[in-house]
PDB file of N, CA and C in Angstrom:
ATOM      1  N   MET A   1     -21.579 -99.451 128.738  1.00  0.00           N
ATOM      2  CA  MET A   1     -20.645 -99.695 129.492  1.00  0.00           C
ATOM      3  C   MET A   1     -19.552-100.773 128.778  1.00  0.00           C
ATOM      4  N   THR A   2     -19.970-101.823 128.073  1.00  0.00           N
ATOM      5  CA  THR A   2     -18.985-102.687 127.416  1.00  0.00           C
ATOM      6  C   THR A   2     -18.147-101.996 126.392  1.00  0.00           C
ATOM      7  N   GLU A   3     -18.874-100.905 125.692  1.00  0.00           N
ATOM      8  CA  GLU A   3     -18.109-100.259 124.759  1.00  0.00           C
ATOM      9  C   GLU A   3     -16.961 -99.588 125.289  1.00  0.00           C
ATOM     10  N   VAL A   4     -17.046 -98.875 126.624  1.00  0.00           N
ATOM     11  CA  VAL A   4     -16.011 -98.062 127.365  1.00  0.00           C
ATOM     12  C   VAL A   4     -15.023 -99.158 127.776  1.00  0.00           C
ATOM     13  N   ILE A   5     -15.237-100.328 128.275  1.00  0.00           N
ATOM     14  CA  ILE A   5     -14.333-101.374 128.473  1.00  0.00           C
ATOM     15  C   ILE A   5     -13.546-101.648 127.188  1.00  0.00           C
ATOM     16  N   ALA A   6     -14.171-102.033 126.204  1.00  0.00           N
ATOM     17  CA  ALA A   6     -13.653-102.584 124.841  1.00  0.00           C
ATOM     18  C   ALA A   6     -12.541-101.601 124.413  1.00  0.00           C
ATOM     19  N   THR A   7     -12.882-100.157 124.711  1.00  0.00           N
ATOM     20  CA  THR A   7     -11.843 -99.092 124.313  1.00  0.00           C
ATOM     21  C   THR A   7     -10.747 -98.945 124.996  1.00  0.00           C
ATOM     22  N   GLY A   8     -10.593 -99.782 126.281  1.00  0.00           N
ATOM     23  CA  GLY A   8      -9.605 -99.792 127.094  1.00  0.00           C
ATOM     24  C   GLY A   8      -9.728 -98.516 128.090  1.00  0.00           C
ATOM     25  N   GLU A   9     -11.049 -97.859 128.270  1.00  0.00           N
ATOM     26  CA  GLU A   9     -10.994 -96.689 129.107  1.00  0.00           C
ATOM     27  C   GLU A   9     -11.724 -97.207 130.503  1.00  0.00           C
ATOM     28  N   VAL A  10     -10.954 -97.991 131.070  1.00  0.00           N
ATOM     29  CA  VAL A  10     -11.393 -98.812 132.376  1.00  0.00           C
ATOM     30  C   VAL A  10     -11.617 -97.922 133.589  1.00  0.00           C
ATOM     31  N   GLU A  11     -10.746 -96.895 133.500  1.00  0.00           N
ATOM     32  CA  GLU A  11     -10.974 -95.845 134.724  1.00  0.00           C
ATOM     33  C   GLU A  11     -12.257 -94.978 134.446  1.00  0.00           C
ATOM     34  N   VAL A  12     -12.592 -94.765 133.245  1.00  0.00           N
ATOM     35  CA  VAL A  12     -13.963 -94.043 132.942  1.00  0.00           C
ATOM     36  C   VAL A  12     -15.141 -94.980 133.226  1.00  0.00           C
ATOM     37  N   ALA A  13     -14.921 -96.209 132.935  1.00  0.00           N
ATOM     38  CA  ALA A  13     -16.038 -97.218 133.254  1.00  0.00           C
ATOM     39  C   ALA A  13     -16.116 -97.352 134.802  1.00  0.00           C
ATOM     40  N   ILE A  14     -15.065 -97.445 135.522  1.00  0.00           N
ATOM     41  CA  ILE A  14     -15.142 -97.657 136.940  1.00  0.00           C
ATOM     42  C   ILE A  14     -15.790 -96.404 137.577  1.00  0.00           C
ATOM     43  N   GLU A  15     -15.341 -95.262 137.057  1.00  0.00           N
ATOM     44  CA  GLU A  15     -15.999 -93.960 137.489  1.00  0.00           C
ATOM     45  C   GLU A  15     -17.513 -93.840 137.263  1.00  0.00           C
ATOM     46  N   ILE A  16     -17.871 -94.427 136.016  1.00  0.00           N
ATOM     47  CA  ILE A  16     -19.341 -94.162 135.727  1.00  0.00           C
ATOM     48  C   ILE A  16     -20.094 -95.175 136.713  1.00  0.00           C
ATOM     49  N   SER A  17     -19.696 -96.387 136.691  1.00  0.00           N
ATOM     50  CA  SER A  17     -20.296 -97.464 137.716  1.00  0.00           C
ATOM     51  C   SER A  17     -20.270 -97.038 139.047  1.00  0.00           C
ATOM     52  N   GLN A  18     -19.164 -96.425 139.647  1.00  0.00           N
ATOM     53  CA  GLN A  18     -19.170 -96.106 141.111  1.00  0.00           C
ATOM     54  C   GLN A  18     -20.070 -95.011 141.289  1.00  0.00           C
ATOM     55  N   ASN A  19     -20.116 -94.090 140.370  1.00  0.00           N
ATOM     56  CA  ASN A  19     -21.061 -92.941 140.633  1.00  0.00           C
ATOM     57  C   ASN A  19     -22.621 -93.214 140.510  1.00  0.00           C
ATOM     58  N   ALA A  20     -23.013 -94.465 139.959  1.00  0.00           N
ATOM     59  CA  ALA A  20     -24.407 -94.774 139.942  1.00  0.00           C
ATOM     60  C   ALA A  20     -24.767 -95.782 140.895  1.00  0.00           C
ATOM     61  N   LEU A  21     -23.745 -95.840 141.859  1.00  0.00           N
ATOM     62  CA  LEU A  21     -24.036 -96.870 143.176  1.00  0.00           C
ATOM     63  C   LEU A  21     -24.872 -96.023 144.235  1.00  0.00           C
ATOM     64  N   ASP A  22     -26.066 -96.465 144.325  1.00  0.00           N
ATOM     65  CA  ASP A  22     -27.096 -95.683 145.133  1.00  0.00           C
ATOM     66  C   ASP A  22     -28.110 -96.594 145.643  1.00  0.00           C
ATOM     67  N   ARG A  23     -28.083 -96.941 147.020  1.00  0.00           N
ATOM     68  CA  ARG A  23     -29.114 -97.714 147.391  1.00  0.00           C
ATOM     69  C   ARG A  23     -30.615 -97.410 147.381  1.00  0.00           C
ATOM     70  N   ARG A  24     -30.788 -95.778 147.330  1.00  0.00           N
ATOM     71  CA  ARG A  24     -32.067 -95.353 147.209  1.00  0.00           C
ATOM     72  C   ARG A  24     -32.731 -95.505 145.980  1.00  0.00           C
ATOM     73  N   ALA A  25     -32.027 -96.080 144.841  1.00  0.00           N
ATOM     74  CA  ALA A  25     -32.438 -96.207 143.701  1.00  0.00           C
ATOM     75  C   ALA A  25     -33.422 -97.683 143.489  1.00  0.00           C
ATOM     76  N   GLY A  26     -33.278 -98.340 144.611  1.00  0.00           N
ATOM     77  CA  GLY A  26     -34.010 -99.615 144.942  1.00  0.00           C
ATOM     78  C   GLY A  26     -33.112-100.807 144.507  1.00  0.00           C
ATOM     79  N   PRO A  27     -33.430-101.792 144.779  1.00  0.00           N
ATOM     80  CA  PRO A  27     -32.601-103.031 144.860  1.00  0.00           C
ATOM     81  C   PRO A  27     -32.228-103.608 143.302  1.00  0.00           C
ATOM     82  N   VAL A  28     -33.194-103.337 142.520  1.00  0.00           N
ATOM     83  CA  VAL A  28     -32.776-103.747 141.039  1.00  0.00           C
ATOM     84  C   VAL A  28     -31.776-102.900 140.608  1.00  0.00           C
ATOM     85  N   LEU A  29     -31.968-101.534 140.598  1.00  0.00           N
ATOM     86  CA  LEU A  29     -30.732-100.740 140.092  1.00  0.00           C
ATOM     87  C   LEU A  29     -29.562-100.748 140.719  1.00  0.00           C
ATOM     88  N   PHE A  30     -29.599-101.065 142.159  1.00  0.00           N
ATOM     89  CA  PHE A  30     -28.348-100.895 142.986  1.00  0.00           C
ATOM     90  C   PHE A  30     -27.721-102.100 142.675  1.00  0.00           C
ATOM     91  N   ILE A  31     -28.297-103.161 142.409  1.00  0.00           N
ATOM     92  CA  ILE A  31     -27.576-104.575 142.263  1.00  0.00           C
ATOM     93  C   ILE A  31     -26.879-104.537 140.835  1.00  0.00           C
ATOM     94  N   ALA A  32     -27.826-104.076 139.964  1.00  0.00           N
ATOM     95  CA  ALA A  32     -27.243-103.836 138.398  1.00  0.00           C
ATOM     96  C   ALA A  32     -25.860-102.978 138.323  1.00  0.00           C
ATOM     97  N   ASN A  33     -26.089-101.857 139.173  1.00  0.00           N
ATOM     98  CA  ASN A  33     -24.715-100.991 138.968  1.00  0.00           C
ATOM     99  C   ASN A  33     -23.475-101.605 140.066  1.00  0.00           C
ATOM    100  N   LEU A  34     -24.090-102.381 141.036  1.00  0.00           N
ATOM    101  CA  LEU A  34     -23.010-103.103 141.899  1.00  0.00           C
ATOM    102  C   LEU A  34     -22.245-104.205 140.983  1.00  0.00           C
ATOM    103  N   LEU A  35     -22.954-105.094 140.524  1.00  0.00           N
ATOM    104  CA  LEU A  35     -22.489-106.009 139.646  1.00  0.00           C
ATOM    105  C   LEU A  35     -21.688-105.540 138.522  1.00  0.00           C
ATOM    106  N   THR A  36     -22.258-104.398 137.821  1.00  0.00           N
ATOM    107  CA  THR A  36     -21.303-104.103 136.815  1.00  0.00           C
ATOM    108  C   THR A  36     -19.971-103.441 137.252  1.00  0.00           C
ATOM    109  N   THR A  37     -20.070-102.821 138.332  1.00  0.00           N
ATOM    110  CA  THR A  37     -18.814-102.471 139.221  1.00  0.00           C
ATOM    111  C   THR A  37     -17.835-103.677 139.275  1.00  0.00           C
ATOM    112  N   ALA A  38     -18.399-104.797 139.754  1.00  0.00           N
ATOM    113  CA  ALA A  38     -17.738-105.918 140.100  1.00  0.00           C
ATOM    114  C   ALA A  38     -17.137-106.370 139.044  1.00  0.00           C
ATOM    115  N   ALA A  39     -17.798-106.454 138.005  1.00  0.00           N
ATOM    116  CA  ALA A  39     -17.397-107.120 136.669  1.00  0.00           C
ATOM    117  C   ALA A  39     -16.178-106.091 135.917  1.00  0.00           C
ATOM    118  N   ILE A  40     -16.356-104.830 135.957  1.00  0.00           N
ATOM    119  CA  ILE A  40     -15.317-103.901 135.572  1.00  0.00           C
ATOM    120  C   ILE A  40     -14.071-104.200 136.489  1.00  0.00           C
ATOM    121  N   HIS A  41     -14.372-104.347 137.726  1.00  0.00           N
ATOM    122  CA  HIS A  41     -12.907-104.592 138.464  1.00  0.00           C
ATOM    123  C   HIS A  41     -12.505-106.011 138.219  1.00  0.00           C
ATOM    124  N   ALA A  42     -13.082-107.039 138.174  1.00  0.00           N
ATOM    125  CA  ALA A  42     -12.745-108.320 137.855  1.00  0.00           C
ATOM    126  C   ALA A  42     -11.950-108.444 136.505  1.00  0.00           C
ATOM    127  N   LEU A  43     -12.509-107.876 135.454  1.00  0.00           N
ATOM    128  CA  LEU A  43     -11.982-107.849 134.067  1.00  0.00           C
ATOM    129  C   LEU A  43     -10.712-107.049 134.100  1.00  0.00           C
ATOM    130  N   SER A  44     -10.606-105.916 134.864  1.00  0.00           N
ATOM    131  CA  SER A  44      -9.441-105.137 134.888  1.00  0.00           C
ATOM    132  C   SER A  44      -8.351-105.667 135.748  1.00  0.00           C
ATOM    133  N   GLY A  45      -8.584-106.536 136.577  1.00  0.00           N
ATOM    134  CA  GLY A  45      -7.697-107.188 137.469  1.00  0.00           C
ATOM    135  C   GLY A  45      -7.638-106.675 138.774  1.00  0.00           C
ATOM    136  N   ASP A  46      -8.443-105.677 139.166  1.00  0.00           N
ATOM    137  CA  ASP A  46      -8.682-105.233 140.544  1.00  0.00           C
ATOM    138  C   ASP A  46      -9.356-106.220 141.517  1.00  0.00           C
ATOM    139  N   VAL A  47      -8.664-107.232 141.846  1.00  0.00           N
ATOM    140  CA  VAL A  47      -9.326-108.433 142.583  1.00  0.00           C
ATOM    141  C   VAL A  47      -9.930-108.051 143.909  1.00  0.00           C
ATOM    142  N   ASP A  48      -9.369-107.240 144.689  1.00  0.00           N
ATOM    143  CA  ASP A  48      -9.924-106.814 145.920  1.00  0.00           C
ATOM    144  C   ASP A  48     -11.095-106.069 145.706  1.00  0.00           C
ATOM    145  N   ARG A  49     -11.188-105.126 144.972  1.00  0.00           N
ATOM    146  CA  ARG A  49     -12.458-104.167 144.681  1.00  0.00           C
ATOM    147  C   ARG A  49     -13.480-105.082 144.019  1.00  0.00           C
ATOM    148  N   ALA A  50     -13.043-106.115 143.181  1.00  0.00           N
ATOM    149  CA  ALA A  50     -14.190-107.049 142.512  1.00  0.00           C
ATOM    150  C   ALA A  50     -14.840-107.758 143.478  1.00  0.00           C
ATOM    151  N   ARG A  51     -14.071-108.310 144.384  1.00  0.00           N
ATOM    152  CA  ARG A  51     -14.482-109.302 145.330  1.00  0.00           C
ATOM    153  C   ARG A  51     -15.347-108.584 146.242  1.00  0.00           C
ATOM    154  N   ARG A  52     -15.013-107.410 146.833  1.00  0.00           N
ATOM    155  CA  ARG A  52     -15.912-106.680 147.673  1.00  0.00           C
ATOM    156  C   ARG A  52     -17.255-106.349 147.115  1.00  0.00           C
ATOM    157  N   ALA A  53     -17.314-105.896 145.807  1.00  0.00           N
ATOM    158  CA  ALA A  53     -18.423-105.595 145.123  1.00  0.00           C
ATOM    159  C   ALA A  53     -19.312-106.725 144.801  1.00  0.00           C
ATOM    160  N   ALA A  54     -18.673-107.927 144.313  1.00  0.00           N
ATOM    161  CA  ALA A  54     -19.427-109.138 144.250  1.00  0.00           C
ATOM    162  C   ALA A  54     -20.029-109.677 145.498  1.00  0.00           C
ATOM    163  N   ALA A  55     -19.333-109.667 146.555  1.00  0.00           N
ATOM    164  CA  ALA A  55     -19.841-110.054 147.759  1.00  0.00           C
ATOM    165  C   ALA A  55     -21.159-109.174 148.338  1.00  0.00           C
ATOM    166  N   GLU A  56     -20.941-108.143 148.276  1.00  0.00           N
ATOM    167  CA  GLU A  56     -22.258-107.242 148.289  1.00  0.00           C
ATOM    168  C   GLU A  56     -23.358-107.650 147.318  1.00  0.00           C
ATOM    169  N   GLY A  57     -23.026-107.779 146.170  1.00  0.00           N
ATOM    170  CA  GLY A  57     -24.133-108.115 145.259  1.00  0.00           C
ATOM    171  C   GLY A  57     -24.652-109.365 145.372  1.00  0.00           C
ATOM    172  N   LEU A  58     -23.893-110.482 146.122  1.00  0.00           N
ATOM    173  CA  LEU A  58     -24.291-111.734 146.362  1.00  0.00           C
ATOM    174  C   LEU A  58     -25.385-111.500 147.457  1.00  0.00           C
ATOM    175  N   HIS A  59     -24.925-110.650 148.347  1.00  0.00           N
ATOM    176  CA  HIS A  59     -25.819-110.480 149.541  1.00  0.00           C
ATOM    177  C   HIS A  59     -27.135-109.950 149.296  1.00  0.00           C
ATOM    178  N   VAL A  60     -27.032-109.014 148.291  1.00  0.00           N
ATOM    179  CA  VAL A  60     -28.536-108.372 147.678  1.00  0.00           C
ATOM    180  C   VAL A  60     -29.313-109.307 147.006  1.00  0.00           C
ATOM    181  N   ALA A  61     -28.637-110.220 146.028  1.00  0.00           N
ATOM    182  CA  ALA A  61     -29.197-111.278 145.392  1.00  0.00           C
ATOM    183  C   ALA A  61     -29.799-112.069 146.107  1.00  0.00           C
ATOM    184  N   ARG A  62     -29.178-112.575 147.083  1.00  0.00           N
ATOM    185  CA  ARG A  62     -29.805-113.698 148.109  1.00  0.00           C
ATOM    186  C   ARG A  62     -31.043-112.907 148.903  1.00  0.00           C
ATOM    187  N   ASN A  63     -30.916-111.878 149.361  1.00  0.00           N
ATOM    188  CA  ASN A  63     -31.904-111.386 150.340  1.00  0.00           C
ATOM    189  C   ASN A  63     -33.222-110.899 149.285  1.00  0.00           C
ATOM    190  N   GLU A  64     -32.975-110.494 147.927  1.00  0.00           N
ATOM    191  CA  GLU A  64     -34.097-110.212 147.203  1.00  0.00           C
ATOM    192  C   GLU A  64     -34.688-111.325 146.290  1.00  0.00           C
ATOM    193  N   GLY A  65     -33.863-112.515 146.504  1.00  0.00           N
ATOM    194  CA  GLY A  65     -34.392-113.372 145.556  1.00  0.00           C
ATOM    195  C   GLY A  65     -34.234-113.192 144.023  1.00  0.00           C
ATOM    196  N   PHE A  66     -33.182-112.586 143.728  1.00  0.00           N
ATOM    197  CA  PHE A  66     -32.810-112.308 142.211  1.00  0.00           C
ATOM    198  C   PHE A  66     -31.773-113.324 141.831  1.00  0.00           C
ATOM    199  N   THR A  67     -32.429-114.452 141.176  1.00  0.00           N
ATOM    200  CA  THR A  67     -31.663-115.491 140.473  1.00  0.00           C
ATOM    201  C   THR A  67     -30.582-115.063 139.471  1.00  0.00           C
ATOM    202  N   PRO A  68     -31.290-114.221 138.527  1.00  0.00           N
ATOM    203  CA  PRO A  68     -30.076-113.942 137.364  1.00  0.00           C
ATOM    204  C   PRO A  68     -29.048-113.071 137.889  1.00  0.00           C
ATOM    205  N   GLN A  69     -29.180-112.366 138.896  1.00  0.00           N
ATOM    206  CA  GLN A  69     -28.126-111.613 139.500  1.00  0.00           C
ATOM    207  C   GLN A  69     -27.172-112.747 140.386  1.00  0.00           C
ATOM    208  N   LEU A  70     -27.738-113.579 140.954  1.00  0.00           N
ATOM    209  CA  LEU A  70     -27.022-114.735 141.660  1.00  0.00           C
ATOM    210  C   LEU A  70     -26.015-115.383 140.493  1.00  0.00           C
ATOM    211  N   VAL A  71     -26.757-115.695 139.399  1.00  0.00           N
ATOM    212  CA  VAL A  71     -25.960-116.340 138.262  1.00  0.00           C
ATOM    213  C   VAL A  71     -24.700-115.199 137.885  1.00  0.00           C
ATOM    214  N   TYR A  72     -25.065-113.994 137.838  1.00  0.00           N
ATOM    215  CA  TYR A  72     -24.052-113.290 137.260  1.00  0.00           C
ATOM    216  C   TYR A  72     -22.723-112.971 138.370  1.00  0.00           C
ATOM    217  N   CYS A  73     -23.183-113.057 139.784  1.00  0.00           N
ATOM    218  CA  CYS A  73     -22.265-113.210 140.660  1.00  0.00           C
ATOM    219  C   CYS A  73     -21.347-114.300 140.642  1.00  0.00           C
ATOM    220  N   LEU A  74     -21.983-115.370 140.169  1.00  0.00           N
ATOM    221  CA  LEU A  74     -21.094-116.483 140.214  1.00  0.00           C
ATOM    222  C   LEU A  74     -20.065-116.458 138.964  1.00  0.00           C
ATOM    223  N   CYS A  75     -20.560-115.845 137.944  1.00  0.00           N
ATOM    224  CA  CYS A  75     -19.695-115.735 136.807  1.00  0.00           C
ATOM    225  C   CYS A  75     -18.553-114.825 137.088  1.00  0.00           C
ATOM    226  N   ILE A  76     -18.714-113.569 137.755  1.00  0.00           N
ATOM    227  CA  ILE A  76     -17.659-112.868 138.394  1.00  0.00           C
ATOM    228  C   ILE A  76     -16.675-113.477 139.176  1.00  0.00           C
ATOM    229  N   ALA A  77     -17.283-114.286 140.074  1.00  0.00           N
ATOM    230  CA  ALA A  77     -16.561-114.994 141.122  1.00  0.00           C
ATOM    231  C   ALA A  77     -15.584-116.050 140.278  1.00  0.00           C
ATOM    232  N   SER A  78     -16.237-116.618 139.287  1.00  0.00           N
ATOM    233  CA  SER A  78     -15.465-117.653 138.593  1.00  0.00           C
ATOM    234  C   SER A  78     -14.236-116.812 137.817  1.00  0.00           C
ATOM    235  N   ALA A  79     -14.337-115.568 137.241  1.00  0.00           N
ATOM    236  CA  ALA A  79     -13.338-114.935 136.568  1.00  0.00           C
ATOM    237  C   ALA A  79     -12.227-114.636 137.636  1.00  0.00           C
ATOM    238  N   LEU A  80     -12.665-114.212 138.874  1.00  0.00           N
ATOM    239  CA  LEU A  80     -11.651-113.936 139.860  1.00  0.00           C
ATOM    240  C   LEU A  80     -10.885-115.188 140.157  1.00  0.00           C
ATOM    241  N   ALA A  81     -11.522-116.300 140.426  1.00  0.00           N
ATOM    242  CA  ALA A  81     -10.976-117.409 140.468  1.00  0.00           C
ATOM    243  C   ALA A  81      -9.856-117.783 139.574  1.00  0.00           C
ATOM    244  N   VAL A  82     -10.018-117.681 138.572  1.00  0.00           N
ATOM    245  CA  VAL A  82      -9.125-118.016 137.342  1.00  0.00           C
ATOM    246  C   VAL A  82      -8.078-116.869 137.439  1.00  0.00           C
ATOM    247  N   ARG A  83      -8.284-115.680 137.813  1.00  0.00           N
ATOM    248  CA  ARG A  83      -7.084-114.806 137.869  1.00  0.00           C
ATOM    249  C   ARG A  83      -6.215-115.143 139.025  1.00  0.00           C
ATOM    250  N   GLN A  84      -6.652-116.022 140.017  1.00  0.00           N
ATOM    251  CA  GLN A  84      -5.893-116.373 140.995  1.00  0.00           C
ATOM    252  C   GLN A  84      -5.467-117.840 140.899  1.00  0.00           C
ATOM    253  N   SER A  85      -5.464-118.448 139.817  1.00  0.00           N
ATOM    254  CA  SER A  85      -5.211-119.779 139.555  1.00  0.00           C
ATOM    255  C   SER A  85      -5.857-120.962 140.232  1.00  0.00           C
ATOM    256  N   GLU A  86      -7.096-120.522 140.506  1.00  0.00           N
ATOM    257  CA  GLU A  86      -7.928-121.444 141.404  1.00  0.00           C
ATOM    258  C   GLU A  86      -8.944-121.975 140.346  1.00  0.00           C
ATOM    259  N   ILE A  87      -8.460-122.855 139.521  1.00  0.00           N
ATOM    260  CA  ILE A  87      -9.159-123.409 138.230  1.00  0.00           C
ATOM    261  C   ILE A  87     -10.269-124.245 138.798  1.00  0.00           C
ATOM    262  N   GLU A  88     -10.024-125.185 139.700  1.00  0.00           N
ATOM    263  CA  GLU A  88     -10.986-125.964 140.360  1.00  0.00           C
ATOM    264  C   GLU A  88     -12.355-125.383 140.878  1.00  0.00           C
ATOM    265  N   THR A  89     -11.901-124.055 141.502  1.00  0.00           N
ATOM    266  CA  THR A  89     -12.926-123.301 142.214  1.00  0.00           C
ATOM    267  C   THR A  89     -13.839-122.512 140.968  1.00  0.00           C
ATOM    268  N   ALA A  90     -13.079-122.147 140.032  1.00  0.00           N
ATOM    269  CA  ALA A  90     -13.743-121.506 138.902  1.00  0.00           C
ATOM    270  C   ALA A  90     -14.738-122.426 138.078  1.00  0.00           C
ATOM    271  N   THR A  91     -14.280-123.725 138.089  1.00  0.00           N
ATOM    272  CA  THR A  91     -15.045-124.723 137.327  1.00  0.00           C
ATOM    273  C   THR A  91     -16.290-125.043 138.241  1.00  0.00           C
ATOM    274  N   THR A  92     -16.022-125.075 139.610  1.00  0.00           N
ATOM    275  CA  THR A  92     -17.294-125.351 140.431  1.00  0.00           C
ATOM    276  C   THR A  92     -18.265-124.039 140.359  1.00  0.00           C
ATOM    277  N   LEU A  93     -17.846-123.019 140.392  1.00  0.00           N
ATOM    278  CA  LEU A  93     -18.758-121.686 140.299  1.00  0.00           C
ATOM    279  C   LEU A  93     -19.306-121.789 138.860  1.00  0.00           C
ATOM    280  N   LEU A  94     -18.674-122.081 137.738  1.00  0.00           N
ATOM    281  CA  LEU A  94     -19.462-122.139 136.580  1.00  0.00           C
ATOM    282  C   LEU A  94     -20.448-122.995 136.442  1.00  0.00           C
ATOM    283  N   ALA A  95     -20.152-124.203 137.240  1.00  0.00           N
ATOM    284  CA  ALA A  95     -21.162-125.233 137.104  1.00  0.00           C
ATOM    285  C   ALA A  95     -22.435-124.967 137.984  1.00  0.00           C
ATOM    286  N   GLY A  96     -22.203-124.157 139.141  1.00  0.00           N
ATOM    287  CA  GLY A  96     -23.288-123.499 139.883  1.00  0.00           C
ATOM    288  C   GLY A  96     -24.137-122.703 138.962  1.00  0.00           C
ATOM    289  N   ALA A  97     -23.452-121.964 138.211  1.00  0.00           N
ATOM    290  CA  ALA A  97     -24.102-120.876 137.567  1.00  0.00           C
ATOM    291  C   ALA A  97     -25.031-121.556 136.482  1.00  0.00           C
ATOM    292  N   ALA A  98     -24.464-122.596 135.806  1.00  0.00           N
ATOM    293  CA  ALA A  98     -25.052-123.153 134.767  1.00  0.00           C
ATOM    294  C   ALA A  98     -26.248-123.908 135.325  1.00  0.00           C
ATOM    295  N   HIS A  99     -26.168-124.247 136.380  1.00  0.00           N
ATOM    296  CA  HIS A  99     -27.257-125.339 136.961  1.00  0.00           C
ATOM    297  C   HIS A  99     -28.409-124.353 137.336  1.00  0.00           C
ATOM    298  N   LEU A 100     -28.320-122.934 137.795  1.00  0.00           N
ATOM    299  CA  LEU A 100     -29.273-122.064 137.801  1.00  0.00           C
ATOM    300  C   LEU A 100     -29.668-121.543 136.590  1.00  0.00           C
ATOM    301  N   ALA A 101     -28.733-121.211 135.794  1.00  0.00           N
ATOM    302  CA  ALA A 101     -29.149-120.407 134.721  1.00  0.00           C
ATOM    303  C   ALA A 101     -29.989-120.990 133.525  1.00  0.00           C
ATOM    304  N   ASP A 102     -29.416-122.459 133.391  1.00  0.00           N
ATOM    305  CA  ASP A 102     -29.904-123.203 132.109  1.00  0.00           C
ATOM    306  C   ASP A 102     -31.483-123.417 132.229  1.00  0.00           C
ATOM    307  N   PRO A 103     -32.023-123.951 133.297  1.00  0.00           N
ATOM    308  CA  PRO A 103     -33.558-124.139 133.215  1.00  0.00           C
ATOM    309  C   PRO A 103     -34.340-122.812 133.260  1.00  0.00           C
ATOM    310  N   LEU A 104     -33.623-121.506 133.619  1.00  0.00           N
ATOM    311  CA  LEU A 104     -34.509-120.320 133.384  1.00  0.00           C
ATOM    312  C   LEU A 104     -33.859-119.761 132.003  1.00  0.00           C
ATOM    313  N   ASP A 105     -33.022-120.292 131.444  1.00  0.00           N
ATOM    314  CA  ASP A 105     -32.605-119.504 129.884  1.00  0.00           C
ATOM    315  C   ASP A 105     -31.931-118.170 130.332  1.00  0.00           C
ATOM    316  N   ILE A 106     -31.156-118.153 131.436  1.00  0.00           N
ATOM    317  CA  ILE A 106     -30.426-116.928 131.614  1.00  0.00           C
ATOM    318  C   ILE A 106     -29.167-117.055 130.986  1.00  0.00           C
ATOM    319  N   THR A 107     -29.049-115.812 129.859  1.00  0.00           N
ATOM    320  CA  THR A 107     -27.710-116.018 129.053  1.00  0.00           C
ATOM    321  C   THR A 107     -26.842-114.921 129.637  1.00  0.00           C
ATOM    322  N   GLY A 108     -27.409-113.847 130.183  1.00  0.00           N
ATOM    323  CA  GLY A 108     -26.596-112.692 130.636  1.00  0.00           C
ATOM    324  C   GLY A 108     -26.409-111.679 129.555  1.00  0.00           C
ATOM    325  N   TYR A 109     -26.046-110.424 129.936  1.00  0.00           N
ATOM    326  CA  TYR A 109     -25.752-109.484 128.858  1.00  0.00           C
ATOM    327  C   TYR A 109     -24.718-108.712 129.670  1.00  0.00           C
ATOM    328  N   GLY A 110     -24.072-107.572 128.757  1.00  0.00           N
ATOM    329  CA  GLY A 110     -23.085-106.744 129.188  1.00  0.00           C
ATOM    330  C   GLY A 110     -21.851-107.425 129.485  1.00  0.00           C
ATOM    331  N   LEU A 111     -21.248-107.161 130.628  1.00  0.00           N
ATOM    332  CA  LEU A 111     -19.933-107.860 130.933  1.00  0.00           C
ATOM    333  C   LEU A 111     -20.145-109.269 131.548  1.00  0.00           C
ATOM    334  N   TYR A 112     -21.220-109.555 132.050  1.00  0.00           N
ATOM    335  CA  TYR A 112     -21.161-110.855 132.652  1.00  0.00           C
ATOM    336  C   TYR A 112     -20.689-112.099 131.633  1.00  0.00           C
ATOM    337  N   PRO A 113     -21.212-112.245 130.582  1.00  0.00           N
ATOM    338  CA  PRO A 113     -20.742-113.066 129.488  1.00  0.00           C
ATOM    339  C   PRO A 113     -19.276-113.031 129.442  1.00  0.00           C
ATOM    340  N   SER A 114     -18.583-111.887 129.574  1.00  0.00           N
ATOM    341  CA  SER A 114     -17.231-111.653 129.388  1.00  0.00           C
ATOM    342  C   SER A 114     -16.498-112.380 130.602  1.00  0.00           C
ATOM    343  N   CYS A 115     -17.062-112.215 131.694  1.00  0.00           N
ATOM    344  CA  CYS A 115     -16.330-112.764 133.070  1.00  0.00           C
ATOM    345  C   CYS A 115     -16.514-114.313 132.851  1.00  0.00           C
ATOM    346  N   ARG A 116     -17.668-114.997 132.439  1.00  0.00           N
ATOM    347  CA  ARG A 116     -17.926-116.404 132.219  1.00  0.00           C
ATOM    348  C   ARG A 116     -16.965-116.843 130.960  1.00  0.00           C
ATOM    349  N   ASP A 117     -16.859-116.036 129.985  1.00  0.00           N
ATOM    350  CA  ASP A 117     -15.960-116.460 128.994  1.00  0.00           C
ATOM    351  C   ASP A 117     -14.510-116.633 129.426  1.00  0.00           C
ATOM    352  N   GLU A 118     -13.997-115.432 130.267  1.00  0.00           N
ATOM    353  CA  GLU A 118     -12.753-115.590 130.710  1.00  0.00           C
ATOM    354  C   GLU A 118     -12.304-116.890 131.598  1.00  0.00           C
ATOM    355  N   ALA A 119     -13.421-117.139 132.229  1.00  0.00           N
ATOM    356  CA  ALA A 119     -13.165-118.253 133.335  1.00  0.00           C
ATOM    357  C   ALA A 119     -13.216-119.483 132.351  1.00  0.00           C
ATOM    358  N   GLN A 120     -14.005-119.729 131.337  1.00  0.00           N
ATOM    359  CA  GLN A 120     -14.365-121.015 130.732  1.00  0.00           C
ATOM    360  C   GLN A 120     -13.242-121.173 129.659  1.00  0.00           C
ATOM    361  N   ALA A 121     -12.327-120.064 129.393  1.00  0.00           N
ATOM    362  CA  ALA A 121     -10.913-120.203 128.637  1.00  0.00           C
ATOM    363  C   ALA A 121      -9.882-120.693 129.167  1.00  0.00           C
ATOM    364  N   GLN A 122     -10.059-121.043 130.537  1.00  0.00           N
ATOM    365  CA  GLN A 122      -8.850-121.560 131.245  1.00  0.00           C
ATOM    366  C   GLN A 122      -9.111-123.229 131.457  1.00  0.00           C
TER     367      GLN A 122
END
């Protein structure tokens, strides 16, 4: 998926991730696809869609006890905050992500580090 984003084929990436969203796949696959969708929207500038997908991902992560996915939600939210010039909010979200991730050595994969990197660049 990161290769599709890197080549600028955002619409293709969005279509792939949207088509993969299926609650019947179980919570692990569902949240993975949901957060990928949120990250794609965040990195492509579609704040409203990113926010909706990330909010649903946050809900699933909390209910299922998925700490890594909670960290990824915080990274996505921090990228969204930066895009809206809310630097203090982004900083707080990144600090929360680091607080959860560091003890568990969660570094992320795919698009999540890109969201974190975008927020940290500000």
